[in-house]
């Protein structure tokens, strides 16, 4: 699954979090976060954990063509 970087940044701002806070909450390495924001695929469970940590729906983060 691919996460839309713009949508992720908006969700981070809404949750008043920075990327390091998100990595700590989701328990992923910062390198993984960078790969996700660069447009690479990530596991569905990771997308779910990111959405939960940010307090949003998974569909709010995905690229539009994947919905």
PDB file of N, CA and C in Angstrom:
ATOM      1  N   UNK A   1       0.849  -1.174   0.000  1.00  0.00           N
ATOM      2  CA  UNK A   1       0.000   0.000   0.000  1.00  0.00           C
ATOM      3  C   UNK A   1       0.891   1.233   0.000  1.00  0.00           C
ATOM      4  N   UNK A   2       0.436   2.262  -0.689  1.00  0.00           N
ATOM      5  CA  UNK A   2       1.196   3.503  -0.749  1.00  0.00           C
ATOM      6  C   UNK A   2       0.455   4.604  -0.002  1.00  0.00           C
ATOM      7  N   UNK A   3       1.192   5.304   0.831  1.00  0.00           N
ATOM      8  CA  UNK A   3       0.644   6.429   1.584  1.00  0.00           C
ATOM      9  C   UNK A   3       0.963   7.713   0.829  1.00  0.00           C
ATOM     10  N   UNK A   4      -0.016   8.592   0.720  1.00  0.00           N
ATOM     11  CA  UNK A   4       0.171   9.894   0.094  1.00  0.00           C
ATOM     12  C   UNK A   4       0.929  10.786   1.079  1.00  0.00           C
ATOM     13  N   UNK A   5       2.085  11.268   0.690  1.00  0.00           N
ATOM     14  CA  UNK A   5       2.935  12.045   1.594  1.00  0.00           C
ATOM     15  C   UNK A   5       2.246  13.331   2.053  1.00  0.00           C
ATOM     16  N   UNK A   6       1.539  14.014   1.171  1.00  0.00           N
ATOM     17  CA  UNK A   6       0.847  15.249   1.546  1.00  0.00           C
ATOM     18  C   UNK A   6      -0.213  14.981   2.608  1.00  0.00           C
ATOM     19  N   UNK A   7      -0.967  13.913   2.410  1.00  0.00           N
ATOM     20  CA  UNK A   7      -2.000  13.557   3.378  1.00  0.00           C
ATOM     21  C   UNK A   7      -1.382  13.168   4.717  1.00  0.00           C
ATOM     22  N   UNK A   8      -0.243  12.490   4.666  1.00  0.00           N
ATOM     23  CA  UNK A   8       0.449  12.102   5.898  1.00  0.00           C
ATOM     24  C   UNK A   8       0.925  13.341   6.650  1.00  0.00           C
ATOM     25  N   UNK A   9       1.468  14.304   5.936  1.00  0.00           N
ATOM     26  CA  UNK A   9       1.948  15.532   6.578  1.00  0.00           C
ATOM     27  C   UNK A   9       0.797  16.306   7.217  1.00  0.00           C
ATOM     28  N   UNK A  10      -0.354  16.343   6.551  1.00  0.00           N
ATOM     29  CA  UNK A  10      -1.529  17.021   7.109  1.00  0.00           C
ATOM     30  C   UNK A  10      -1.990  16.305   8.369  1.00  0.00           C
ATOM     31  N   UNK A  11      -2.019  14.977   8.334  1.00  0.00           N
ATOM     32  CA  UNK A  11      -2.428  14.207   9.508  1.00  0.00           C
ATOM     33  C   UNK A  11      -1.449  14.398  10.659  1.00  0.00           C
ATOM     34  N   UNK A  12      -0.153  14.470  10.354  1.00  0.00           N
ATOM     35  CA  UNK A  12       0.844  14.736  11.399  1.00  0.00           C
ATOM     36  C   UNK A  12       0.603  16.103  12.043  1.00  0.00           C
ATOM     37  N   UNK A  13       0.355  17.104  11.232  1.00  0.00           N
ATOM     38  CA  UNK A  13       0.103  18.449  11.756  1.00  0.00           C
ATOM     39  C   UNK A  13      -1.166  18.486  12.594  1.00  0.00           C
ATOM     40  N   UNK A  14      -2.198  17.809  12.131  1.00  0.00           N
ATOM     41  CA  UNK A  14      -3.463  17.768  12.866  1.00  0.00           C
ATOM     42  C   UNK A  14      -3.287  17.103  14.225  1.00  0.00           C
ATOM     43  N   UNK A  15      -2.457  16.069  14.270  1.00  0.00           N
ATOM     44  CA  UNK A  15      -2.203  15.354  15.521  1.00  0.00           C
ATOM     45  C   UNK A  15      -1.120  16.019  16.371  1.00  0.00           C
ATOM     46  N   UNK A  16      -0.556  17.137  15.883  1.00  0.00           N
ATOM     47  CA  UNK A  16       0.525  17.847  16.573  1.00  0.00           C
ATOM     48  C   UNK A  16       1.701  16.923  16.874  1.00  0.00           C
ATOM     49  N   UNK A  17       2.079  16.156  15.847  1.00  0.00           N
ATOM     50  CA  UNK A  17       3.194  15.224  15.989  1.00  0.00           C
ATOM     51  C   UNK A  17       4.246  15.542  14.939  1.00  0.00           C
ATOM     52  N   UNK A  18       5.472  15.141  15.229  1.00  0.00           N
ATOM     53  CA  UNK A  18       6.516  15.216  14.216  1.00  0.00           C
ATOM     54  C   UNK A  18       6.863  13.786  13.804  1.00  0.00           C
ATOM     55  N   UNK A  19       7.640  13.611  12.753  1.00  0.00           N
ATOM     56  CA  UNK A  19       7.942  12.252  12.288  1.00  0.00           C
ATOM     57  C   UNK A  19       8.576  11.353  13.350  1.00  0.00           C
ATOM     58  N   UNK A  20       9.406  11.933  14.209  1.00  0.00           N
ATOM     59  CA  UNK A  20      10.044  11.122  15.241  1.00  0.00           C
ATOM     60  C   UNK A  20       9.033  10.628  16.272  1.00  0.00           C
ATOM     61  N   UNK A  21       8.067  11.487  16.632  1.00  0.00           N
ATOM     62  CA  UNK A  21       7.001  11.063  17.546  1.00  0.00           C
ATOM     63  C   UNK A  21       6.196   9.927  16.932  1.00  0.00           C
ATOM     64  N   UNK A  22       5.905  10.058  15.638  1.00  0.00           N
ATOM     65  CA  UNK A  22       5.132   9.025  14.949  1.00  0.00           C
ATOM     66  C   UNK A  22       5.888   7.700  14.938  1.00  0.00           C
ATOM     67  N   UNK A  23       7.160   7.748  14.628  1.00  0.00           N
ATOM     68  CA  UNK A  23       7.966   6.518  14.599  1.00  0.00           C
ATOM     69  C   UNK A  23       7.981   5.840  15.961  1.00  0.00           C
ATOM     70  N   UNK A  24       8.078   6.636  16.996  1.00  0.00           N
ATOM     71  CA  UNK A  24       8.078   6.076  18.353  1.00  0.00           C
ATOM     72  C   UNK A  24       6.722   5.455  18.692  1.00  0.00           C
ATOM     73  N   UNK A  25       5.642   6.137  18.323  1.00  0.00           N
ATOM     74  CA  UNK A  25       4.297   5.639  18.623  1.00  0.00           C
ATOM     75  C   UNK A  25       3.966   4.376  17.834  1.00  0.00           C
ATOM     76  N   UNK A  26       4.412   4.315  16.593  1.00  0.00           N
ATOM     77  CA  UNK A  26       4.099   3.193  15.708  1.00  0.00           C
ATOM     78  C   UNK A  26       5.121   2.059  15.857  1.00  0.00           C
ATOM     79  N   UNK A  27       6.257   2.386  16.464  1.00  0.00           N
ATOM     80  CA  UNK A  27       7.348   1.427  16.654  1.00  0.00           C
ATOM     81  C   UNK A  27       7.952   0.983  15.325  1.00  0.00           C
ATOM     82  N   UNK A  28       8.272   1.994  14.516  1.00  0.00           N
ATOM     83  CA  UNK A  28       9.003   1.750  13.272  1.00  0.00           C
ATOM     84  C   UNK A  28      10.262   2.604  13.298  1.00  0.00           C
ATOM     85  N   UNK A  29      11.238   2.225  12.508  1.00  0.00           N
ATOM     86  CA  UNK A  29      12.460   3.010  12.422  1.00  0.00           C
ATOM     87  C   UNK A  29      12.220   4.229  11.543  1.00  0.00           C
ATOM     88  N   UNK A  30      13.003   5.273  11.793  1.00  0.00           N
ATOM     89  CA  UNK A  30      12.868   6.480  10.994  1.00  0.00           C
ATOM     90  C   UNK A  30      13.169   6.198   9.530  1.00  0.00           C
ATOM     91  N   UNK A  31      14.066   5.272   9.265  1.00  0.00           N
ATOM     92  CA  UNK A  31      14.386   4.884   7.888  1.00  0.00           C
ATOM     93  C   UNK A  31      13.146   4.330   7.186  1.00  0.00           C
ATOM     94  N   UNK A  32      12.343   3.574   7.890  1.00  0.00           N
ATOM     95  CA  UNK A  32      11.097   3.041   7.329  1.00  0.00           C
ATOM     96  C   UNK A  32      10.138   4.180   7.012  1.00  0.00           C
ATOM     97  N   UNK A  33      10.057   5.141   7.913  1.00  0.00           N
ATOM     98  CA  UNK A  33       9.211   6.316   7.682  1.00  0.00           C
ATOM     99  C   UNK A  33       9.648   7.040   6.409  1.00  0.00           C
ATOM    100  N   UNK A  34      10.957   7.208   6.223  1.00  0.00           N
ATOM    101  CA  UNK A  34      11.473   7.890   5.038  1.00  0.00           C
ATOM    102  C   UNK A  34      11.141   7.123   3.759  1.00  0.00           C
ATOM    103  N   UNK A  35      11.205   5.803   3.815  1.00  0.00           N
ATOM    104  CA  UNK A  35      10.843   4.999   2.639  1.00  0.00           C
ATOM    105  C   UNK A  35       9.364   5.174   2.312  1.00  0.00           C
ATOM    106  N   UNK A  36       8.532   5.204   3.332  1.00  0.00           N
ATOM    107  CA  UNK A  36       7.094   5.375   3.124  1.00  0.00           C
ATOM    108  C   UNK A  36       6.811   6.735   2.498  1.00  0.00           C
ATOM    109  N   UNK A  37       7.450   7.786   3.018  1.00  0.00           N
ATOM    110  CA  UNK A  37       7.192   9.130   2.484  1.00  0.00           C
ATOM    111  C   UNK A  37       7.790   9.325   1.103  1.00  0.00           C
ATOM    112  N   UNK A  38       8.741   8.479   0.724  1.00  0.00           N
ATOM    113  CA  UNK A  38       9.327   8.555  -0.617  1.00  0.00           C
ATOM    114  C   UNK A  38       8.438   7.887  -1.659  1.00  0.00           C
ATOM    115  N   UNK A  39       7.350   7.254  -1.226  1.00  0.00           N
ATOM    116  CA  UNK A  39       6.416   6.657  -2.165  1.00  0.00           C
ATOM    117  C   UNK A  39       6.528   5.157  -2.310  1.00  0.00           C
ATOM    118  N   UNK A  40       7.332   4.522  -1.475  1.00  0.00           N
ATOM    119  CA  UNK A  40       7.447   3.063  -1.530  1.00  0.00           C
ATOM    120  C   UNK A  40       6.270   2.405  -0.827  1.00  0.00           C
ATOM    121  N   UNK A  41       6.032   1.156  -1.181  1.00  0.00           N
ATOM    122  CA  UNK A  41       4.962   0.404  -0.551  1.00  0.00           C
ATOM    123  C   UNK A  41       5.307   0.087   0.891  1.00  0.00           C
ATOM    124  N   UNK A  42       4.266  -0.115   1.700  1.00  0.00           N
ATOM    125  CA  UNK A  42       4.469  -0.576   3.064  1.00  0.00           C
ATOM    126  C   UNK A  42       3.374  -1.585   3.393  1.00  0.00           C
ATOM    127  N   UNK A  43       3.584  -2.307   4.459  1.00  0.00           N
ATOM    128  CA  UNK A  43       2.644  -3.348   4.856  1.00  0.00           C
ATOM    129  C   UNK A  43       1.318  -2.735   5.303  1.00  0.00           C
ATOM    130  N   UNK A  44       0.251  -3.491   5.120  1.00  0.00           N
ATOM    131  CA  UNK A  44      -1.069  -2.997   5.507  1.00  0.00           C
ATOM    132  C   UNK A  44      -1.151  -2.776   7.011  1.00  0.00           C
ATOM    133  N   UNK A  45      -0.502  -3.622   7.778  1.00  0.00           N
ATOM    134  CA  UNK A  45      -0.510  -3.462   9.235  1.00  0.00           C
ATOM    135  C   UNK A  45       0.178  -2.159   9.639  1.00  0.00           C
ATOM    136  N   UNK A  46       1.234  -1.798   8.925  1.00  0.00           N
ATOM    137  CA  UNK A  46       1.942  -0.549   9.220  1.00  0.00           C
ATOM    138  C   UNK A  46       1.050   0.647   8.930  1.00  0.00           C
ATOM    139  N   UNK A  47       0.326   0.604   7.829  1.00  0.00           N
ATOM    140  CA  UNK A  47      -0.603   1.696   7.502  1.00  0.00           C
ATOM    141  C   UNK A  47      -1.661   1.813   8.594  1.00  0.00           C
ATOM    142  N   UNK A  48      -2.163   0.686   9.056  1.00  0.00           N
ATOM    143  CA  UNK A  48      -3.160   0.683  10.119  1.00  0.00           C
ATOM    144  C   UNK A  48      -2.627   1.271  11.412  1.00  0.00           C
ATOM    145  N   UNK A  49      -1.397   0.925  11.767  1.00  0.00           N
ATOM    146  CA  UNK A  49      -0.802   1.454  13.001  1.00  0.00           C
ATOM    147  C   UNK A  49      -0.546   2.952  12.887  1.00  0.00           C
ATOM    148  N   UNK A  50      -0.126   3.399  11.707  1.00  0.00           N
ATOM    149  CA  UNK A  50       0.091   4.836  11.489  1.00  0.00           C
ATOM    150  C   UNK A  50      -1.224   5.592  11.622  1.00  0.00           C
ATOM    151  N   UNK A  51      -2.266   5.078  10.984  1.00  0.00           N
ATOM    152  CA  UNK A  51      -3.579   5.738  11.051  1.00  0.00           C
ATOM    153  C   UNK A  51      -4.086   5.786  12.492  1.00  0.00           C
ATOM    154  N   UNK A  52      -3.918   4.706  13.228  1.00  0.00           N
ATOM    155  CA  UNK A  52      -4.363   4.673  14.621  1.00  0.00           C
ATOM    156  C   UNK A  52      -3.595   5.700  15.448  1.00  0.00           C
ATOM    157  N   UNK A  53      -2.289   5.774  15.264  1.00  0.00           N
ATOM    158  CA  UNK A  53      -1.468   6.719  16.025  1.00  0.00           C
ATOM    159  C   UNK A  53      -1.842   8.167  15.715  1.00  0.00           C
ATOM    160  N   UNK A  54      -2.266   8.426  14.476  1.00  0.00           N
ATOM    161  CA  UNK A  54      -2.631   9.784  14.065  1.00  0.00           C
ATOM    162  C   UNK A  54      -4.103  10.095  14.313  1.00  0.00           C
ATOM    163  N   UNK A  55      -4.876   9.094  14.705  1.00  0.00           N
ATOM    164  CA  UNK A  55      -6.297   9.307  14.978  1.00  0.00           C
ATOM    165  C   UNK A  55      -7.114   9.567  13.730  1.00  0.00           C
ATOM    166  N   UNK A  56      -6.784   8.881  12.635  1.00  0.00           N
ATOM    167  CA  UNK A  56      -7.529   9.061  11.391  1.00  0.00           C
ATOM    168  C   UNK A  56      -7.824   7.698  10.770  1.00  0.00           C
ATOM    169  N   UNK A  57      -8.581   7.709   9.694  1.00  0.00           N
ATOM    170  CA  UNK A  57      -8.903   6.483   8.976  1.00  0.00           C
ATOM    171  C   UNK A  57      -7.769   6.136   8.013  1.00  0.00           C
ATOM    172  N   UNK A  58      -7.627   4.857   7.740  1.00  0.00           N
ATOM    173  CA  UNK A  58      -6.602   4.403   6.797  1.00  0.00           C
ATOM    174  C   UNK A  58      -6.817   5.051   5.432  1.00  0.00           C
ATOM    175  N   UNK A  59      -8.056   5.135   4.996  1.00  0.00           N
ATOM    176  CA  UNK A  59      -8.358   5.701   3.680  1.00  0.00           C
ATOM    177  C   UNK A  59      -7.981   7.173   3.581  1.00  0.00           C
ATOM    178  N   UNK A  60      -7.861   7.860   4.727  1.00  0.00           N
ATOM    179  CA  UNK A  60      -7.445   9.262   4.716  1.00  0.00           C
ATOM    180  C   UNK A  60      -5.984   9.423   4.320  1.00  0.00           C
ATOM    181  N   UNK A  61      -5.200   8.349   4.418  1.00  0.00           N
ATOM    182  CA  UNK A  61      -3.761   8.417   4.162  1.00  0.00           C
ATOM    183  C   UNK A  61      -3.350   7.848   2.808  1.00  0.00           C
ATOM    184  N   UNK A  62      -4.186   7.024   2.211  1.00  0.00           N
ATOM    185  CA  UNK A  62      -3.789   6.303   0.998  1.00  0.00           C
ATOM    186  C   UNK A  62      -3.823   7.183  -0.237  1.00  0.00           C
ATOM    187  N   UNK A  63      -3.014   6.780  -1.226  1.00  0.00           N
ATOM    188  CA  UNK A  63      -3.074   7.411  -2.545  1.00  0.00           C
ATOM    189  C   UNK A  63      -4.487   7.228  -3.088  1.00  0.00           C
ATOM    190  N   UNK A  64      -4.992   8.186  -3.840  1.00  0.00           N
ATOM    191  CA  UNK A  64      -6.377   8.170  -4.301  1.00  0.00           C
ATOM    192  C   UNK A  64      -6.732   6.968  -5.157  1.00  0.00           C
ATOM    193  N   UNK A  65      -5.828   6.480  -5.978  1.00  0.00           N
ATOM    194  CA  UNK A  65      -6.160   5.374  -6.869  1.00  0.00           C
ATOM    195  C   UNK A  65      -6.297   4.050  -6.135  1.00  0.00           C
ATOM    196  N   UNK A  66      -5.911   3.967  -4.877  1.00  0.00           N
ATOM    197  CA  UNK A  66      -5.997   2.727  -4.126  1.00  0.00           C
ATOM    198  C   UNK A  66      -7.309   2.598  -3.359  1.00  0.00           C
ATOM    199  N   UNK A  67      -8.094   3.632  -3.337  1.00  0.00           N
ATOM    200  CA  UNK A  67      -9.336   3.592  -2.552  1.00  0.00           C
ATOM    201  C   UNK A  67     -10.436   2.921  -3.314  1.00  0.00           C
TER     202      UNK A  67
END
